[in-house]
Amino acid sequence: MEKTIKYAEIPQVRGGVAFSDPDYSPDTWCCYQRAFNPSGGWIMKMESARDEDGYVEFALTLGRRSMMSGLRVVENGEGAVIRHLAHHQLEAKAIGCDTARVFVGSLDCFERWGEEASIYTAADGLFANLQVVTCKGEDEPAGFLLIGAIDGGITSEDELFRTIVSAFDGHEIDRSRFAKLVDPNSLEIRRELVKELRRARAFEQGEKPNEKGEGDTER
């Protein structure tokens, strides 16, 4: 399958995030609605490909730049594997729908126009699997990884990407700009990673002095 990769920049995530059917309340088991105020802008990457049946399989990664520089999805003989830095923790969450629509975007946009800015799925049930990424020693999410599939005859790759970007009040960027924003050699990224690592080490020393983090070796 030929893969398409698109990138976007989100200058400000307003109020938090929502991965939810627009009719769901925050306590519905198969949605994720979380209010928080992340500092700085986020960036997004969407990898997608059509299978033989015309379904668009996608992996959407979004979050702060230091998280994006260490989180990735790789394919092996058994399917997709998530790799992350040792101080990142992942929590899985199922995302479903009962109105053939799913909203993926900021909580502010969800509360203002959730249905109008939602993705049309043409069917109910499980839409995707969400991985919530946090850093040890922090409560606020550092980012998210959404993996799922959608009928390409109903919603194209471009429609899926643009709907999500607009629901975050973001804008599309090119590959070169994205690469600069997540370059691990960048001084700003290195400073962000140092701060994350310091908080993670303080957490481990204070709470779990003998436990090692999972994932790739910390840079």
C-alpha atoms as a PDB file:
ATOM      1  CA  MET A   1       0.000   0.000   0.000  1.00  0.00           C
ATOM      2  CA  GLU A   2       1.263   3.446  -0.912  1.00  0.00           C
ATOM      3  CA  LYS A   3       1.542   5.649   2.166  1.00  0.00           C
ATOM      4  CA  THR A   4       0.624   9.340   2.308  1.00  0.00           C
ATOM      5  CA  ILE A   5       2.149  11.558   5.001  1.00  0.00           C
ATOM      6  CA  LYS A   6       0.818  14.999   5.931  1.00  0.00           C
ATOM      7  CA  TYR A   7       1.893  17.492   8.572  1.00  0.00           C
ATOM      8  CA  ALA A   8       0.247  20.333  10.460  1.00  0.00           C
ATOM      9  CA  GLU A   9       1.078  22.941  13.069  1.00  0.00           C
ATOM     10  CA  ILE A  10      -1.311  23.843  15.884  1.00  0.00           C
ATOM     11  CA  PRO A  11      -0.360  27.268  17.298  1.00  0.00           C
ATOM     12  CA  GLN A  12      -2.488  26.857  20.438  1.00  0.00           C
ATOM     13  CA  VAL A  13      -4.540  23.984  21.866  1.00  0.00           C
ATOM     14  CA  ARG A  14      -7.502  25.741  23.449  1.00  0.00           C
ATOM     15  CA  GLY A  15      -9.064  24.278  26.574  1.00  0.00           C
ATOM     16  CA  GLY A  16      -7.852  20.713  26.092  1.00  0.00           C
ATOM     17  CA  VAL A  17      -8.721  17.941  23.638  1.00  0.00           C
ATOM     18  CA  ALA A  18     -11.672  15.795  22.601  1.00  0.00           C
ATOM     19  CA  PHE A  19     -11.708  12.455  20.775  1.00  0.00           C
ATOM     20  CA  SER A  20     -15.424  11.833  20.943  1.00  0.00           C
ATOM     21  CA  ASP A  21     -18.776  11.354  19.277  1.00  0.00           C
ATOM     22  CA  PRO A  22     -20.300  14.872  19.454  1.00  0.00           C
ATOM     23  CA  ASP A  23     -23.269  13.482  21.420  1.00  0.00           C
ATOM     24  CA  TYR A  24     -21.144  11.843  24.124  1.00  0.00           C
ATOM     25  CA  SER A  25     -20.704  13.203  27.623  1.00  0.00           C
ATOM     26  CA  PRO A  26     -17.169  13.212  29.104  1.00  0.00           C
ATOM     27  CA  ASP A  27     -17.852  10.079  31.176  1.00  0.00           C
ATOM     28  CA  THR A  28     -18.793   7.859  28.183  1.00  0.00           C
ATOM     29  CA  TRP A  29     -16.448   4.861  28.245  1.00  0.00           C
ATOM     30  CA  CYS A  30     -15.442   4.958  24.561  1.00  0.00           C
ATOM     31  CA  CYS A  31     -14.434   8.607  24.293  1.00  0.00           C
ATOM     32  CA  TYR A  32     -11.702  10.867  25.623  1.00  0.00           C
ATOM     33  CA  GLN A  33     -12.475  14.431  26.670  1.00  0.00           C
ATOM     34  CA  ARG A  34      -9.843  16.148  28.778  1.00  0.00           C
ATOM     35  CA  ALA A  35      -9.663  19.776  29.892  1.00  0.00           C
ATOM     36  CA  PHE A  36      -6.156  21.204  30.336  1.00  0.00           C
ATOM     37  CA  ASN A  37      -4.091  24.149  29.105  1.00  0.00           C
ATOM     38  CA  PRO A  38      -0.943  22.957  27.329  1.00  0.00           C
ATOM     39  CA  SER A  39       1.880  25.455  27.062  1.00  0.00           C
ATOM     40  CA  GLY A  40       3.093  26.395  23.601  1.00  0.00           C
ATOM     41  CA  GLY A  41       1.982  25.025  20.253  1.00  0.00           C
ATOM     42  CA  TRP A  42       1.663  21.420  19.099  1.00  0.00           C
ATOM     43  CA  ILE A  43       2.377  19.692  15.824  1.00  0.00           C
ATOM     44  CA  MET A  44       0.688  16.821  14.028  1.00  0.00           C
ATOM     45  CA  LYS A  45       1.643  14.051  11.604  1.00  0.00           C
ATOM     46  CA  MET A  46      -0.796  11.782   9.776  1.00  0.00           C
ATOM     47  CA  GLU A  47       0.307   8.655   7.929  1.00  0.00           C
ATOM     48  CA  SER A  48      -2.392   6.975   5.846  1.00  0.00           C
ATOM     49  CA  ALA A  49      -2.772   4.276   3.209  1.00  0.00           C
ATOM     50  CA  ARG A  50      -5.680   2.552   1.417  1.00  0.00           C
ATOM     51  CA  ASP A  51      -6.106  -1.188   1.731  1.00  0.00           C
ATOM     52  CA  GLU A  52      -7.508  -3.516  -0.944  1.00  0.00           C
ATOM     53  CA  ASP A  53     -11.071  -2.924   0.266  1.00  0.00           C
ATOM     54  CA  GLY A  54     -10.796   0.859  -0.045  1.00  0.00           C
ATOM     55  CA  TYR A  55     -10.481   1.569   3.668  1.00  0.00           C
ATOM     56  CA  VAL A  56      -8.091   4.317   4.758  1.00  0.00           C
ATOM     57  CA  GLU A  57      -5.830   3.089   7.542  1.00  0.00           C
ATOM     58  CA  PHE A  58      -4.291   5.967   9.449  1.00  0.00           C
ATOM     59  CA  ALA A  59      -1.892   6.763  12.300  1.00  0.00           C
ATOM     60  CA  LEU A  60      -2.282  10.272  13.672  1.00  0.00           C
ATOM     61  CA  THR A  61       0.405  11.558  16.039  1.00  0.00           C
ATOM     62  CA  LEU A  62       0.073  14.939  17.712  1.00  0.00           C
ATOM     63  CA  GLY A  63       1.569  16.687  20.680  1.00  0.00           C
ATOM     64  CA  ARG A  64       4.364  18.919  21.822  1.00  0.00           C
ATOM     65  CA  ARG A  65       7.542  18.849  19.788  1.00  0.00           C
ATOM     66  CA  SER A  66       9.708  17.062  22.349  1.00  0.00           C
ATOM     67  CA  MET A  67       7.180  14.216  22.476  1.00  0.00           C
ATOM     68  CA  MET A  68       6.957  14.034  18.674  1.00  0.00           C
ATOM     69  CA  SER A  69      10.722  13.728  18.371  1.00  0.00           C
ATOM     70  CA  GLY A  70      10.650  10.464  20.317  1.00  0.00           C
ATOM     71  CA  LEU A  71       7.328   8.790  19.417  1.00  0.00           C
ATOM     72  CA  ARG A  72       6.869   6.774  16.237  1.00  0.00           C
ATOM     73  CA  VAL A  73       5.008   3.836  14.757  1.00  0.00           C
ATOM     74  CA  VAL A  74       7.036   1.150  12.986  1.00  0.00           C
ATOM     75  CA  GLU A  75       5.856  -1.903  11.061  1.00  0.00           C
ATOM     76  CA  ASN A  76       7.144  -5.405  11.658  1.00  0.00           C
ATOM     77  CA  GLY A  77       5.987  -8.881  10.686  1.00  0.00           C
ATOM     78  CA  GLU A  78       3.211  -8.813  13.277  1.00  0.00           C
ATOM     79  CA  GLY A  79       1.871  -5.307  12.542  1.00  0.00           C
ATOM     80  CA  ALA A  80       2.384  -1.849  13.984  1.00  0.00           C
ATOM     81  CA  VAL A  81       4.675  -1.334  16.980  1.00  0.00           C
ATOM     82  CA  ILE A  82       4.798   1.890  19.010  1.00  0.00           C
ATOM     83  CA  ARG A  83       8.249   3.097  20.032  1.00  0.00           C
ATOM     84  CA  HIS A  84       8.739   5.875  22.565  1.00  0.00           C
ATOM     85  CA  LEU A  85      11.274   7.359  24.954  1.00  0.00           C
ATOM     86  CA  ALA A  86      11.715   5.661  28.315  1.00  0.00           C
ATOM     87  CA  HIS A  87      10.137   8.489  30.307  1.00  0.00           C
ATOM     88  CA  HIS A  88       6.970   8.492  28.176  1.00  0.00           C
ATOM     89  CA  GLN A  89       4.018   6.466  29.475  1.00  0.00           C
ATOM     90  CA  LEU A  90       1.171   5.267  27.221  1.00  0.00           C
ATOM     91  CA  GLU A  91      -2.415   4.632  28.249  1.00  0.00           C
ATOM     92  CA  ALA A  92      -4.762   2.975  25.730  1.00  0.00           C
ATOM     93  CA  LYS A  93      -8.314   4.221  25.167  1.00  0.00           C
ATOM     94  CA  ALA A  94     -10.986   2.970  22.730  1.00  0.00           C
ATOM     95  CA  ILE A  95     -12.754   5.664  20.680  1.00  0.00           C
ATOM     96  CA  GLY A  96     -16.218   4.778  19.374  1.00  0.00           C
ATOM     97  CA  CYS A  97     -19.299   6.463  17.946  1.00  0.00           C
ATOM     98  CA  ASP A  98     -23.083   6.071  17.957  1.00  0.00           C
ATOM     99  CA  THR A  99     -24.045   8.858  15.538  1.00  0.00           C
ATOM    100  CA  ALA A 100     -21.667   7.944  12.665  1.00  0.00           C
ATOM    101  CA  ARG A 101     -19.548  10.961  13.592  1.00  0.00           C
ATOM    102  CA  VAL A 102     -16.382  11.467  15.607  1.00  0.00           C
ATOM    103  CA  PHE A 103     -14.784  14.740  16.626  1.00  0.00           C
ATOM    104  CA  VAL A 104     -10.993  14.980  16.907  1.00  0.00           C
ATOM    105  CA  GLY A 105      -9.770  18.401  17.963  1.00  0.00           C
ATOM    106  CA  SER A 106      -9.529  20.960  20.747  1.00  0.00           C
ATOM    107  CA  LEU A 107     -12.080  20.991  23.553  1.00  0.00           C
ATOM    108  CA  ASP A 108     -12.916  24.613  22.776  1.00  0.00           C
ATOM    109  CA  CYS A 109     -13.886  23.763  19.174  1.00  0.00           C
ATOM    110  CA  PHE A 110     -15.743  20.651  20.368  1.00  0.00           C
ATOM    111  CA  GLU A 111     -17.926  22.721  22.699  1.00  0.00           C
ATOM    112  CA  ARG A 112     -18.589  25.376  20.033  1.00  0.00           C
ATOM    113  CA  TRP A 113     -19.271  23.248  16.940  1.00  0.00           C
ATOM    114  CA  GLY A 114     -18.653  19.577  17.702  1.00  0.00           C
ATOM    115  CA  GLU A 115     -21.086  18.076  15.186  1.00  0.00           C
ATOM    116  CA  GLU A 116     -20.252  20.451  12.328  1.00  0.00           C
ATOM    117  CA  ALA A 117     -16.506  19.823  12.705  1.00  0.00           C
ATOM    118  CA  SER A 118     -16.754  16.040  13.118  1.00  0.00           C
ATOM    119  CA  ILE A 119     -15.506  13.257  10.854  1.00  0.00           C
ATOM    120  CA  TYR A 120     -18.313  11.380   9.073  1.00  0.00           C
ATOM    121  CA  THR A 121     -17.742   7.640   9.499  1.00  0.00           C
ATOM    122  CA  ALA A 122     -20.945   6.315   7.800  1.00  0.00           C
ATOM    123  CA  ALA A 123     -21.163   3.638  10.509  1.00  0.00           C
ATOM    124  CA  ASP A 124     -21.207   3.226  14.268  1.00  0.00           C
ATOM    125  CA  GLY A 125     -18.934   1.188  16.496  1.00  0.00           C
ATOM    126  CA  LEU A 126     -15.188   1.388  17.121  1.00  0.00           C
ATOM    127  CA  PHE A 127     -13.552   4.248  15.239  1.00  0.00           C
ATOM    128  CA  ALA A 128      -9.951   4.010  16.459  1.00  0.00           C
ATOM    129  CA  ASN A 129      -7.589   3.194  19.296  1.00  0.00           C
ATOM    130  CA  LEU A 130      -6.088   6.132  21.167  1.00  0.00           C
ATOM    131  CA  GLN A 131      -2.791   6.131  23.050  1.00  0.00           C
ATOM    132  CA  VAL A 132      -2.518   8.956  25.588  1.00  0.00           C
ATOM    133  CA  VAL A 133       1.131   9.925  26.132  1.00  0.00           C
ATOM    134  CA  THR A 134       2.272  11.443  29.424  1.00  0.00           C
ATOM    135  CA  CYS A 135       5.720  12.040  30.880  1.00  0.00           C
ATOM    136  CA  LYS A 136       6.665  10.582  34.253  1.00  0.00           C
ATOM    137  CA  GLY A 137       6.138  13.197  36.921  1.00  0.00           C
ATOM    138  CA  GLU A 138       3.478  15.035  34.898  1.00  0.00           C
ATOM    139  CA  ASP A 139      -0.302  14.839  34.869  1.00  0.00           C
ATOM    140  CA  GLU A 140      -0.946  16.854  31.696  1.00  0.00           C
ATOM    141  CA  PRO A 141      -0.820  14.844  28.433  1.00  0.00           C
ATOM    142  CA  ALA A 142       2.242  15.453  26.271  1.00  0.00           C
ATOM    143  CA  GLY A 143       0.526  14.113  23.165  1.00  0.00           C
ATOM    144  CA  PHE A 144      -1.627  11.463  21.532  1.00  0.00           C
ATOM    145  CA  LEU A 145      -1.428   8.659  18.993  1.00  0.00           C
ATOM    146  CA  LEU A 146      -4.670   7.705  17.214  1.00  0.00           C
ATOM    147  CA  ILE A 147      -4.672   4.550  15.058  1.00  0.00           C
ATOM    148  CA  GLY A 148      -7.717   3.435  13.088  1.00  0.00           C
ATOM    149  CA  ALA A 149      -9.431   3.027   9.726  1.00  0.00           C
ATOM    150  CA  ILE A 150     -12.276   4.689   7.844  1.00  0.00           C
ATOM    151  CA  ASP A 151     -14.199   3.958   4.627  1.00  0.00           C
ATOM    152  CA  GLY A 152     -12.284   5.785   1.892  1.00  0.00           C
ATOM    153  CA  GLY A 153     -15.389   5.980  -0.262  1.00  0.00           C
ATOM    154  CA  ILE A 154     -17.073   8.128   2.387  1.00  0.00           C
ATOM    155  CA  THR A 155     -14.173  10.173   3.759  1.00  0.00           C
ATOM    156  CA  SER A 156     -10.924  10.589   1.813  1.00  0.00           C
ATOM    157  CA  GLU A 157      -7.443  10.966   3.295  1.00  0.00           C
ATOM    158  CA  ASP A 158      -7.524  14.701   2.517  1.00  0.00           C
ATOM    159  CA  GLU A 159     -10.945  15.161   4.113  1.00  0.00           C
ATOM    160  CA  LEU A 160      -9.888  13.270   7.230  1.00  0.00           C
ATOM    161  CA  PHE A 161      -6.702  15.309   7.606  1.00  0.00           C
ATOM    162  CA  ARG A 162      -8.291  18.701   6.913  1.00  0.00           C
ATOM    163  CA  THR A 163     -11.237  18.047   9.240  1.00  0.00           C
ATOM    164  CA  ILE A 164      -8.888  17.268  12.122  1.00  0.00           C
ATOM    165  CA  VAL A 165      -6.565  20.199  11.378  1.00  0.00           C
ATOM    166  CA  SER A 166      -9.483  22.647  11.294  1.00  0.00           C
ATOM    167  CA  ALA A 167     -10.888  21.184  14.545  1.00  0.00           C
ATOM    168  CA  PHE A 168      -7.597  22.137  16.196  1.00  0.00           C
ATOM    169  CA  ASP A 169      -7.499  25.586  14.539  1.00  0.00           C
ATOM    170  CA  GLY A 170      -4.269  24.489  12.899  1.00  0.00           C
ATOM    171  CA  HIS A 171      -2.720  24.772   9.449  1.00  0.00           C
ATOM    172  CA  GLU A 172      -0.909  22.406   7.099  1.00  0.00           C
ATOM    173  CA  ILE A 173       2.872  22.649   6.858  1.00  0.00           C
ATOM    174  CA  ASP A 174       5.446  21.002   4.596  1.00  0.00           C
ATOM    175  CA  ARG A 175       7.811  18.187   5.468  1.00  0.00           C
ATOM    176  CA  SER A 176      10.883  20.408   5.798  1.00  0.00           C
ATOM    177  CA  ARG A 177       9.224  22.660   8.382  1.00  0.00           C
ATOM    178  CA  PHE A 178       7.993  19.647  10.335  1.00  0.00           C
ATOM    179  CA  ALA A 179      11.495  18.151  10.313  1.00  0.00           C
ATOM    180  CA  LYS A 180      12.931  21.377  11.741  1.00  0.00           C
ATOM    181  CA  LEU A 181      10.304  21.490  14.485  1.00  0.00           C
ATOM    182  CA  VAL A 182      11.147  17.955  15.710  1.00  0.00           C
ATOM    183  CA  ASP A 183      14.900  17.970  15.018  1.00  0.00           C
ATOM    184  CA  PRO A 184      16.546  16.409  18.120  1.00  0.00           C
ATOM    185  CA  ASN A 185      19.657  18.483  17.413  1.00  0.00           C
ATOM    186  CA  SER A 186      17.682  21.702  17.806  1.00  0.00           C
ATOM    187  CA  LEU A 187      18.656  23.646  20.941  1.00  0.00           C
ATOM    188  CA  GLU A 188      15.015  24.329  21.825  1.00  0.00           C
ATOM    189  CA  ILE A 189      14.027  20.654  21.537  1.00  0.00           C
ATOM    190  CA  ARG A 190      17.031  19.615  23.616  1.00  0.00           C
ATOM    191  CA  ARG A 191      16.031  22.075  26.313  1.00  0.00           C
ATOM    192  CA  GLU A 192      12.488  20.690  26.356  1.00  0.00           C
ATOM    193  CA  LEU A 193      13.769  17.107  26.586  1.00  0.00           C
ATOM    194  CA  VAL A 194      16.146  18.018  29.432  1.00  0.00           C
ATOM    195  CA  LYS A 195      13.219  19.468  31.397  1.00  0.00           C
ATOM    196  CA  GLU A 196      11.137  16.336  30.782  1.00  0.00           C
ATOM    197  CA  LEU A 197      13.987  14.054  31.824  1.00  0.00           C
ATOM    198  CA  ARG A 198      14.622  16.019  35.014  1.00  0.00           C
ATOM    199  CA  ARG A 199      10.963  15.720  36.019  1.00  0.00           C
ATOM    200  CA  ALA A 200      10.958  12.001  35.158  1.00  0.00           C
ATOM    201  CA  ARG A 201      14.083  11.344  37.235  1.00  0.00           C
ATOM    202  CA  ALA A 202      12.715  13.329  40.175  1.00  0.00           C
ATOM    203  CA  PHE A 203       9.513  11.270  39.959  1.00  0.00           C
ATOM    204  CA  GLU A 204      11.418   7.965  39.862  1.00  0.00           C
ATOM    205  CA  GLN A 205      13.673   8.929  42.774  1.00  0.00           C
ATOM    206  CA  GLY A 206      10.739  10.093  44.868  1.00  0.00           C
ATOM    207  CA  GLU A 207       8.172   7.393  43.996  1.00  0.00           C
ATOM    208  CA  LYS A 208       9.779   4.395  42.297  1.00  0.00           C
ATOM    209  CA  PRO A 209      13.550   4.417  42.854  1.00  0.00           C
ATOM    210  CA  ASN A 210      14.135   0.881  41.492  1.00  0.00           C
ATOM    211  CA  GLU A 211      11.838   0.907  38.465  1.00  0.00           C
ATOM    212  CA  LYS A 212      13.148   1.497  34.935  1.00  0.00           C
ATOM    213  CA  GLY A 213      11.075   3.184  32.259  1.00  0.00           C
ATOM    214  CA  GLU A 214       9.859   1.327  29.203  1.00  0.00           C
ATOM    215  CA  GLY A 215      10.548   2.300  25.617  1.00  0.00           C
ATOM    216  CA  ASP A 216      13.666   3.379  23.795  1.00  0.00           C
ATOM    217  CA  THR A 217      16.766   4.574  25.623  1.00  0.00           C
ATOM    218  CA  GLU A 218      16.500   8.195  26.675  1.00  0.00           C
ATOM    219  CA  ARG A 219      18.495  10.567  24.545  1.00  0.00           C
END
